[in-house]
PDB file of N, CA and C in Angstrom:
ATOM      1  N   MET A   1     -21.638 100.512-131.635  1.00  0.00           N
ATOM      2  CA  MET A   1     -20.141 100.105-132.220  1.00  0.00           C
ATOM      3  C   MET A   1     -20.157  98.842-131.323  1.00  0.00           C
ATOM      4  N   GLU A   2     -19.851  97.687-132.218  1.00  0.00           N
ATOM      5  CA  GLU A   2     -19.997  96.404-131.981  1.00  0.00           C
ATOM      6  C   GLU A   2     -18.441  96.247-130.857  1.00  0.00           C
ATOM      7  N   ILE A   3     -17.400  97.087-130.793  1.00  0.00           N
ATOM      8  CA  ILE A   3     -16.364  97.015-130.187  1.00  0.00           C
ATOM      9  C   ILE A   3     -17.042  97.450-128.528  1.00  0.00           C
ATOM     10  N   ALA A   4     -17.514  98.468-128.552  1.00  0.00           N
ATOM     11  CA  ALA A   4     -17.873  98.980-127.195  1.00  0.00           C
ATOM     12  C   ALA A   4     -19.092  97.815-126.473  1.00  0.00           C
ATOM     13  N   GLU A   5     -19.474  97.374-127.468  1.00  0.00           N
ATOM     14  CA  GLU A   5     -20.720  96.304-126.878  1.00  0.00           C
ATOM     15  C   GLU A   5     -20.018  95.297-126.471  1.00  0.00           C
ATOM     16  N   GLY A   6     -18.540  94.807-126.918  1.00  0.00           N
ATOM     17  CA  GLY A   6     -17.922  93.485-126.691  1.00  0.00           C
ATOM     18  C   GLY A   6     -17.281  93.864-125.374  1.00  0.00           C
ATOM     19  N   ILE A   7     -16.554  95.025-125.246  1.00  0.00           N
ATOM     20  CA  ILE A   7     -16.150  95.740-123.867  1.00  0.00           C
ATOM     21  C   ILE A   7     -16.743  95.372-122.668  1.00  0.00           C
ATOM     22  N   LEU A   8     -18.201  95.976-123.051  1.00  0.00           N
ATOM     23  CA  LEU A   8     -18.917  96.057-121.954  1.00  0.00           C
ATOM     24  C   LEU A   8     -19.835  94.724-121.941  1.00  0.00           C
ATOM     25  N   GLY A   9     -19.942  94.017-122.691  1.00  0.00           N
ATOM     26  CA  GLY A   9     -20.877  92.491-122.377  1.00  0.00           C
ATOM     27  C   GLY A   9     -19.843  91.563-121.849  1.00  0.00           C
ATOM     28  N   ASN A  10     -18.544  91.455-121.571  1.00  0.00           N
ATOM     29  CA  ASN A  10     -17.568  91.136-121.029  1.00  0.00           C
ATOM     30  C   ASN A  10     -17.415  91.098-119.471  1.00  0.00           C
ATOM     31  N   LYS A  11     -18.105  91.012-118.331  1.00  0.00           N
ATOM     32  CA  LYS A  11     -18.009  91.193-117.159  1.00  0.00           C
ATOM     33  C   LYS A  11     -16.449  91.204-116.469  1.00  0.00           C
ATOM     34  N   THR A  12     -15.997  90.645-116.977  1.00  0.00           N
ATOM     35  CA  THR A  12     -14.210  90.543-116.694  1.00  0.00           C
ATOM     36  C   THR A  12     -13.282  91.013-117.505  1.00  0.00           C
ATOM     37  N   CYS A  13     -13.742  91.961-118.332  1.00  0.00           N
ATOM     38  CA  CYS A  13     -12.838  92.585-119.437  1.00  0.00           C
ATOM     39  C   CYS A  13     -12.110  93.428-118.582  1.00  0.00           C
ATOM     40  N   ALA A  14     -10.660  93.088-118.900  1.00  0.00           N
ATOM     41  CA  ALA A  14      -9.918  93.805-118.243  1.00  0.00           C
ATOM     42  C   ALA A  14      -8.946  94.572-119.062  1.00  0.00           C
ATOM     43  N   LEU A  15      -9.362  95.128-120.402  1.00  0.00           N
ATOM     44  CA  LEU A  15      -8.884  95.933-121.256  1.00  0.00           C
ATOM     45  C   LEU A  15      -8.811  97.208-120.894  1.00  0.00           C
ATOM     46  N   ARG A  16      -7.314  97.970-120.710  1.00  0.00           N
ATOM     47  CA  ARG A  16      -7.021  98.742-120.603  1.00  0.00           C
ATOM     48  C   ARG A  16      -6.373  99.973-121.442  1.00  0.00           C
ATOM     49  N   THR A  17      -6.085  99.129-122.660  1.00  0.00           N
ATOM     50  CA  THR A  17      -5.766 100.518-124.108  1.00  0.00           C
ATOM     51  C   THR A  17      -6.578  99.825-124.953  1.00  0.00           C
ATOM     52  N   ILE A  18      -7.011 100.458-126.007  1.00  0.00           N
ATOM     53  CA  ILE A  18      -7.010  99.897-127.172  1.00  0.00           C
ATOM     54  C   ILE A  18      -7.180 100.888-128.423  1.00  0.00           C
ATOM     55  N   GLY A  19      -6.433 100.308-129.440  1.00  0.00           N
ATOM     56  CA  GLY A  19      -6.068 100.853-130.287  1.00  0.00           C
ATOM     57  C   GLY A  19      -6.797 101.231-131.836  1.00  0.00           C
ATOM     58  N   LEU A  20      -7.701 102.111-131.982  1.00  0.00           N
ATOM     59  CA  LEU A  20      -8.596 102.762-133.421  1.00  0.00           C
ATOM     60  C   LEU A  20      -8.113 103.205-134.130  1.00  0.00           C
ATOM     61  N   ARG A  21      -6.385 103.338-134.622  1.00  0.00           N
ATOM     62  CA  ARG A  21      -6.291 104.327-135.441  1.00  0.00           C
ATOM     63  C   ARG A  21      -6.135 104.059-136.774  1.00  0.00           C
ATOM     64  N   PHE A  22      -6.166 104.599-137.850  1.00  0.00           N
ATOM     65  CA  PHE A  22      -6.290 104.747-139.133  1.00  0.00           C
ATOM     66  C   PHE A  22      -7.717 103.467-139.558  1.00  0.00           C
ATOM     67  N   ASN A  23      -8.605 104.097-138.884  1.00  0.00           N
ATOM     68  CA  ASN A  23      -9.736 102.779-139.205  1.00  0.00           C
ATOM     69  C   ASN A  23     -11.140 103.918-139.889  1.00  0.00           C
ATOM     70  N   PHE A  24     -11.049 105.319-139.875  1.00  0.00           N
ATOM     71  CA  PHE A  24     -12.115 105.655-140.854  1.00  0.00           C
ATOM     72  C   PHE A  24     -13.285 105.717-140.239  1.00  0.00           C
ATOM     73  N   ILE A  25     -13.027 106.062-138.995  1.00  0.00           N
ATOM     74  CA  ILE A  25     -14.115 105.972-137.887  1.00  0.00           C
ATOM     75  C   ILE A  25     -14.437 107.701-138.270  1.00  0.00           C
ATOM     76  N   SER A  26     -15.633 107.713-138.319  1.00  0.00           N
ATOM     77  CA  SER A  26     -16.811 109.078-138.084  1.00  0.00           C
ATOM     78  C   SER A  26     -17.113 109.142-137.216  1.00  0.00           C
ATOM     79  N   GLU A  27     -17.551 110.676-137.035  1.00  0.00           N
ATOM     80  CA  GLU A  27     -17.797 111.469-135.313  1.00  0.00           C
ATOM     81  C   GLU A  27     -19.198 110.556-135.119  1.00  0.00           C
ATOM     82  N   ASP A  28     -20.056 110.238-135.668  1.00  0.00           N
ATOM     83  CA  ASP A  28     -21.204 109.456-135.341  1.00  0.00           C
ATOM     84  C   ASP A  28     -20.823 108.492-134.471  1.00  0.00           C
ATOM     85  N   GLY A  29     -19.685 107.714-135.491  1.00  0.00           N
ATOM     86  CA  GLY A  29     -18.955 106.068-134.809  1.00  0.00           C
ATOM     87  C   GLY A  29     -18.569 106.639-133.561  1.00  0.00           C
ATOM     88  N   ALA A  30     -17.746 107.584-133.502  1.00  0.00           N
ATOM     89  CA  ALA A  30     -16.791 107.791-132.594  1.00  0.00           C
ATOM     90  C   ALA A  30     -17.480 108.130-131.229  1.00  0.00           C
ATOM     91  N   ASP A  31     -18.750 108.980-131.411  1.00  0.00           N
ATOM     92  CA  ASP A  31     -19.616 109.215-130.450  1.00  0.00           C
ATOM     93  C   ASP A  31     -20.598 108.018-129.964  1.00  0.00           C
ATOM     94  N   GLN A  32     -21.183 107.266-130.842  1.00  0.00           N
ATOM     95  CA  GLN A  32     -21.661 105.669-130.163  1.00  0.00           C
ATOM     96  C   GLN A  32     -20.842 105.244-129.374  1.00  0.00           C
ATOM     97  N   PHE A  33     -19.406 105.213-130.418  1.00  0.00           N
ATOM     98  CA  PHE A  33     -18.207 104.714-129.083  1.00  0.00           C
ATOM     99  C   PHE A  33     -18.068 104.975-127.464  1.00  0.00           C
ATOM    100  N   PHE A  34     -17.963 106.132-127.677  1.00  0.00           N
ATOM    101  CA  PHE A  34     -17.527 106.845-126.233  1.00  0.00           C
ATOM    102  C   PHE A  34     -18.765 107.036-125.211  1.00  0.00           C
ATOM    103  N   ASN A  35     -20.487 107.114-125.907  1.00  0.00           N
ATOM    104  CA  ASN A  35     -21.639 107.604-124.828  1.00  0.00           C
ATOM    105  C   ASN A  35     -21.858 105.801-124.543  1.00  0.00           C
ATOM    106  N   LYS A  36     -21.044 104.477-124.966  1.00  0.00           N
ATOM    107  CA  LYS A  36     -20.940 103.572-124.380  1.00  0.00           C
ATOM    108  C   LYS A  36     -20.169 103.437-123.638  1.00  0.00           C
ATOM    109  N   VAL A  37     -18.968 103.556-123.710  1.00  0.00           N
ATOM    110  CA  VAL A  37     -17.745 103.038-123.038  1.00  0.00           C
ATOM    111  C   VAL A  37     -17.421 104.033-121.725  1.00  0.00           C
ATOM    112  N   ILE A  38     -17.355 105.344-121.948  1.00  0.00           N
ATOM    113  CA  ILE A  38     -17.673 106.397-120.925  1.00  0.00           C
ATOM    114  C   ILE A  38     -18.146 106.289-119.654  1.00  0.00           C
ATOM    115  N   GLY A  39     -17.449 106.066-118.915  1.00  0.00           N
ATOM    116  CA  GLY A  39     -17.814 105.866-117.022  1.00  0.00           C
ATOM    117  C   GLY A  39     -18.293 104.614-116.958  1.00  0.00           C
ATOM    118  N   LYS A  40     -18.193 103.319-118.125  1.00  0.00           N
ATOM    119  CA  LYS A  40     -18.616 102.221-117.854  1.00  0.00           C
ATOM    120  C   LYS A  40     -17.834 100.980-118.036  1.00  0.00           C
ATOM    121  N   SER A  41     -16.609 101.697-118.357  1.00  0.00           N
ATOM    122  CA  SER A  41     -15.111 100.688-118.828  1.00  0.00           C
ATOM    123  C   SER A  41     -13.997 100.842-117.545  1.00  0.00           C
ATOM    124  N   LYS A  42     -13.276  99.951-118.024  1.00  0.00           N
ATOM    125  CA  LYS A  42     -11.659 100.354-117.332  1.00  0.00           C
ATOM    126  C   LYS A  42     -10.474 100.778-118.098  1.00  0.00           C
ATOM    127  N   ILE A  43     -11.200 101.029-119.726  1.00  0.00           N
ATOM    128  CA  ILE A  43     -10.528 101.637-120.791  1.00  0.00           C
ATOM    129  C   ILE A  43      -9.900 102.799-120.048  1.00  0.00           C
ATOM    130  N   GLU A  44      -8.220 103.259-120.322  1.00  0.00           N
ATOM    131  CA  GLU A  44      -7.343 104.055-119.598  1.00  0.00           C
ATOM    132  C   GLU A  44      -6.602 104.718-120.876  1.00  0.00           C
ATOM    133  N   ASN A  45      -6.705 104.268-121.761  1.00  0.00           N
ATOM    134  CA  ASN A  45      -5.941 104.668-123.116  1.00  0.00           C
ATOM    135  C   ASN A  45      -6.636 104.358-124.410  1.00  0.00           C
ATOM    136  N   ILE A  46      -6.985 105.584-125.023  1.00  0.00           N
ATOM    137  CA  ILE A  46      -7.360 105.385-126.352  1.00  0.00           C
ATOM    138  C   ILE A  46      -6.703 106.060-127.352  1.00  0.00           C
ATOM    139  N   TYR A  47      -6.201 105.018-128.370  1.00  0.00           N
ATOM    140  CA  TYR A  47      -5.491 105.627-129.510  1.00  0.00           C
ATOM    141  C   TYR A  47      -6.286 105.945-130.530  1.00  0.00           C
ATOM    142  N   ILE A  48      -6.810 106.966-130.780  1.00  0.00           N
ATOM    143  CA  ILE A  48      -7.678 106.901-132.121  1.00  0.00           C
ATOM    144  C   ILE A  48      -7.532 107.870-133.119  1.00  0.00           C
ATOM    145  N   TRP A  49      -5.885 108.314-133.218  1.00  0.00           N
ATOM    146  CA  TRP A  49      -5.719 109.507-134.136  1.00  0.00           C
ATOM    147  C   TRP A  49      -6.018 108.848-135.618  1.00  0.00           C
ATOM    148  N   ASN A  50      -5.735 109.426-136.249  1.00  0.00           N
ATOM    149  CA  ASN A  50      -6.032 109.472-137.617  1.00  0.00           C
ATOM    150  C   ASN A  50      -7.649 109.138-138.186  1.00  0.00           C
ATOM    151  N   ASN A  51      -8.349 109.280-137.809  1.00  0.00           N
ATOM    152  CA  ASN A  51      -9.625 108.907-138.149  1.00  0.00           C
ATOM    153  C   ASN A  51     -10.460 110.220-138.790  1.00  0.00           C
ATOM    154  N   GLU A  52     -11.856 110.425-138.894  1.00  0.00           N
ATOM    155  CA  GLU A  52     -12.526 111.706-138.987  1.00  0.00           C
ATOM    156  C   GLU A  52     -13.075 112.464-138.263  1.00  0.00           C
ATOM    157  N   LEU A  53     -12.457 112.845-137.540  1.00  0.00           N
ATOM    158  CA  LEU A  53     -12.738 113.452-136.289  1.00  0.00           C
ATOM    159  C   LEU A  53     -12.068 115.152-136.704  1.00  0.00           C
ATOM    160  N   SER A  54     -13.375 115.831-136.329  1.00  0.00           N
ATOM    161  CA  SER A  54     -13.281 117.812-136.312  1.00  0.00           C
ATOM    162  C   SER A  54     -12.713 117.937-135.343  1.00  0.00           C
ATOM    163  N   GLU A  55     -12.097 119.002-135.174  1.00  0.00           N
ATOM    164  CA  GLU A  55     -11.703 119.805-133.953  1.00  0.00           C
ATOM    165  C   GLU A  55     -12.631 120.192-132.702  1.00  0.00           C
ATOM    166  N   PRO A  56     -13.810 120.416-133.466  1.00  0.00           N
ATOM    167  CA  PRO A  56     -15.129 120.855-132.722  1.00  0.00           C
ATOM    168  C   PRO A  56     -15.525 119.922-132.035  1.00  0.00           C
ATOM    169  N   PHE A  57     -15.372 118.666-132.434  1.00  0.00           N
ATOM    170  CA  PHE A  57     -16.322 117.008-132.248  1.00  0.00           C
ATOM    171  C   PHE A  57     -15.071 117.005-130.912  1.00  0.00           C
ATOM    172  N   LEU A  58     -13.596 116.863-131.068  1.00  0.00           N
ATOM    173  CA  LEU A  58     -12.653 116.418-130.207  1.00  0.00           C
ATOM    174  C   LEU A  58     -12.679 117.469-128.885  1.00  0.00           C
ATOM    175  N   ILE A  59     -13.233 118.526-129.062  1.00  0.00           N
ATOM    176  CA  ILE A  59     -13.274 119.532-127.912  1.00  0.00           C
ATOM    177  C   ILE A  59     -14.562 119.328-126.997  1.00  0.00           C
ATOM    178  N   LYS A  60     -15.623 119.069-127.741  1.00  0.00           N
ATOM    179  CA  LYS A  60     -17.124 118.602-127.193  1.00  0.00           C
ATOM    180  C   LYS A  60     -16.478 117.108-126.428  1.00  0.00           C
ATOM    181  N   LEU A  61     -15.738 116.351-126.850  1.00  0.00           N
ATOM    182  CA  LEU A  61     -15.269 114.719-126.755  1.00  0.00           C
ATOM    183  C   LEU A  61     -14.563 114.941-125.288  1.00  0.00           C
ATOM    184  N   ASP A  62     -13.821 116.137-125.058  1.00  0.00           N
ATOM    185  CA  ASP A  62     -12.867 116.393-123.767  1.00  0.00           C
ATOM    186  C   ASP A  62     -13.950 116.697-122.907  1.00  0.00           C
ATOM    187  N   GLU A  63     -14.757 117.623-123.320  1.00  0.00           N
ATOM    188  CA  GLU A  63     -15.394 118.092-122.197  1.00  0.00           C
ATOM    189  C   GLU A  63     -16.526 116.938-121.582  1.00  0.00           C
ATOM    190  N   LYS A  64     -17.002 115.824-122.376  1.00  0.00           N
ATOM    191  CA  LYS A  64     -17.674 114.642-121.911  1.00  0.00           C
ATOM    192  C   LYS A  64     -17.133 113.689-121.019  1.00  0.00           C
ATOM    193  N   LEU A  65     -15.432 114.014-121.410  1.00  0.00           N
ATOM    194  CA  LEU A  65     -14.568 113.033-120.544  1.00  0.00           C
ATOM    195  C   LEU A  65     -14.287 113.163-119.447  1.00  0.00           C
ATOM    196  N   LYS A  66     -14.153 115.043-119.476  1.00  0.00           N
ATOM    197  CA  LYS A  66     -14.021 115.521-117.796  1.00  0.00           C
ATOM    198  C   LYS A  66     -15.198 115.633-116.992  1.00  0.00           C
ATOM    199  N   GLU A  67     -16.128 115.849-117.599  1.00  0.00           N
ATOM    200  CA  GLU A  67     -17.798 115.889-116.789  1.00  0.00           C
ATOM    201  C   GLU A  67     -18.072 114.413-116.329  1.00  0.00           C
ATOM    202  N   SER A  68     -17.674 113.190-116.919  1.00  0.00           N
ATOM    203  CA  SER A  68     -17.785 112.031-116.596  1.00  0.00           C
ATOM    204  C   SER A  68     -16.832 111.360-115.797  1.00  0.00           C
ATOM    205  N   LYS A  69     -15.672 112.063-115.178  1.00  0.00           N
ATOM    206  CA  LYS A  69     -14.652 111.926-114.242  1.00  0.00           C
ATOM    207  C   LYS A  69     -13.813 110.596-115.052  1.00  0.00           C
ATOM    208  N   MET A  70     -13.785 110.456-116.253  1.00  0.00           N
ATOM    209  CA  MET A  70     -13.295 109.327-116.512  1.00  0.00           C
ATOM    210  C   MET A  70     -11.706 109.818-116.861  1.00  0.00           C
ATOM    211  N   LYS A  71     -10.689 108.720-116.206  1.00  0.00           N
ATOM    212  CA  LYS A  71      -9.569 109.096-116.550  1.00  0.00           C
ATOM    213  C   LYS A  71      -8.577 108.561-117.466  1.00  0.00           C
ATOM    214  N   ALA A  72      -9.295 108.962-118.908  1.00  0.00           N
ATOM    215  CA  ALA A  72      -8.434 108.095-120.220  1.00  0.00           C
ATOM    216  C   ALA A  72      -7.814 109.326-120.894  1.00  0.00           C
ATOM    217  N   TYR A  73      -6.870 108.485-121.499  1.00  0.00           N
ATOM    218  CA  TYR A  73      -6.046 109.417-122.341  1.00  0.00           C
ATOM    219  C   TYR A  73      -6.207 108.623-123.831  1.00  0.00           C
ATOM    220  N   LEU A  74      -6.295 110.161-124.192  1.00  0.00           N
ATOM    221  CA  LEU A  74      -6.921 109.628-125.772  1.00  0.00           C
ATOM    222  C   LEU A  74      -5.774 110.729-126.783  1.00  0.00           C
ATOM    223  N   ASP A  75      -5.477 109.850-127.768  1.00  0.00           N
ATOM    224  CA  ASP A  75      -3.974 110.895-128.427  1.00  0.00           C
ATOM    225  C   ASP A  75      -4.499 111.764-129.359  1.00  0.00           C
ATOM    226  N   VAL A  76      -5.696 112.103-129.673  1.00  0.00           N
ATOM    227  CA  VAL A  76      -5.981 112.875-130.716  1.00  0.00           C
ATOM    228  C   VAL A  76      -6.341 114.202-129.547  1.00  0.00           C
ATOM    229  N   LEU A  77      -6.465 114.610-128.457  1.00  0.00           N
ATOM    230  CA  LEU A  77      -6.379 115.403-127.838  1.00  0.00           C
ATOM    231  C   LEU A  77      -5.235 116.267-127.479  1.00  0.00           C
ATOM    232  N   GLU A  78      -4.263 115.273-127.861  1.00  0.00           N
ATOM    233  CA  GLU A  78      -2.888 116.470-127.899  1.00  0.00           C
ATOM    234  C   GLU A  78      -2.903 117.443-129.028  1.00  0.00           C
ATOM    235  N   LYS A  79      -3.744 117.642-129.991  1.00  0.00           N
ATOM    236  CA  LYS A  79      -3.907 118.364-131.042  1.00  0.00           C
ATOM    237  C   LYS A  79      -4.946 119.496-130.815  1.00  0.00           C
ATOM    238  N   VAL A  80      -5.438 119.578-129.519  1.00  0.00           N
ATOM    239  CA  VAL A  80      -6.598 120.321-129.133  1.00  0.00           C
ATOM    240  C   VAL A  80      -5.911 121.453-128.484  1.00  0.00           C
TER     241      VAL A  80
END
């Protein structure tokens, strides 16, 4: 996902919050994004509500975040 590459490619990126709501992001796209940014960025808040993400996917994503010790708020995890 180009957004993740842009965030990581900018060594001085100070981005702490990103809004990706209502973008028709698939589980594959979200997986690619999170695999790139987890533990490698300074992002603390990710708003990704209303995309095409199933509850089983969100549960796995929550587990990945906990394993990485990345302290990020994801609005979609409120419903899980």
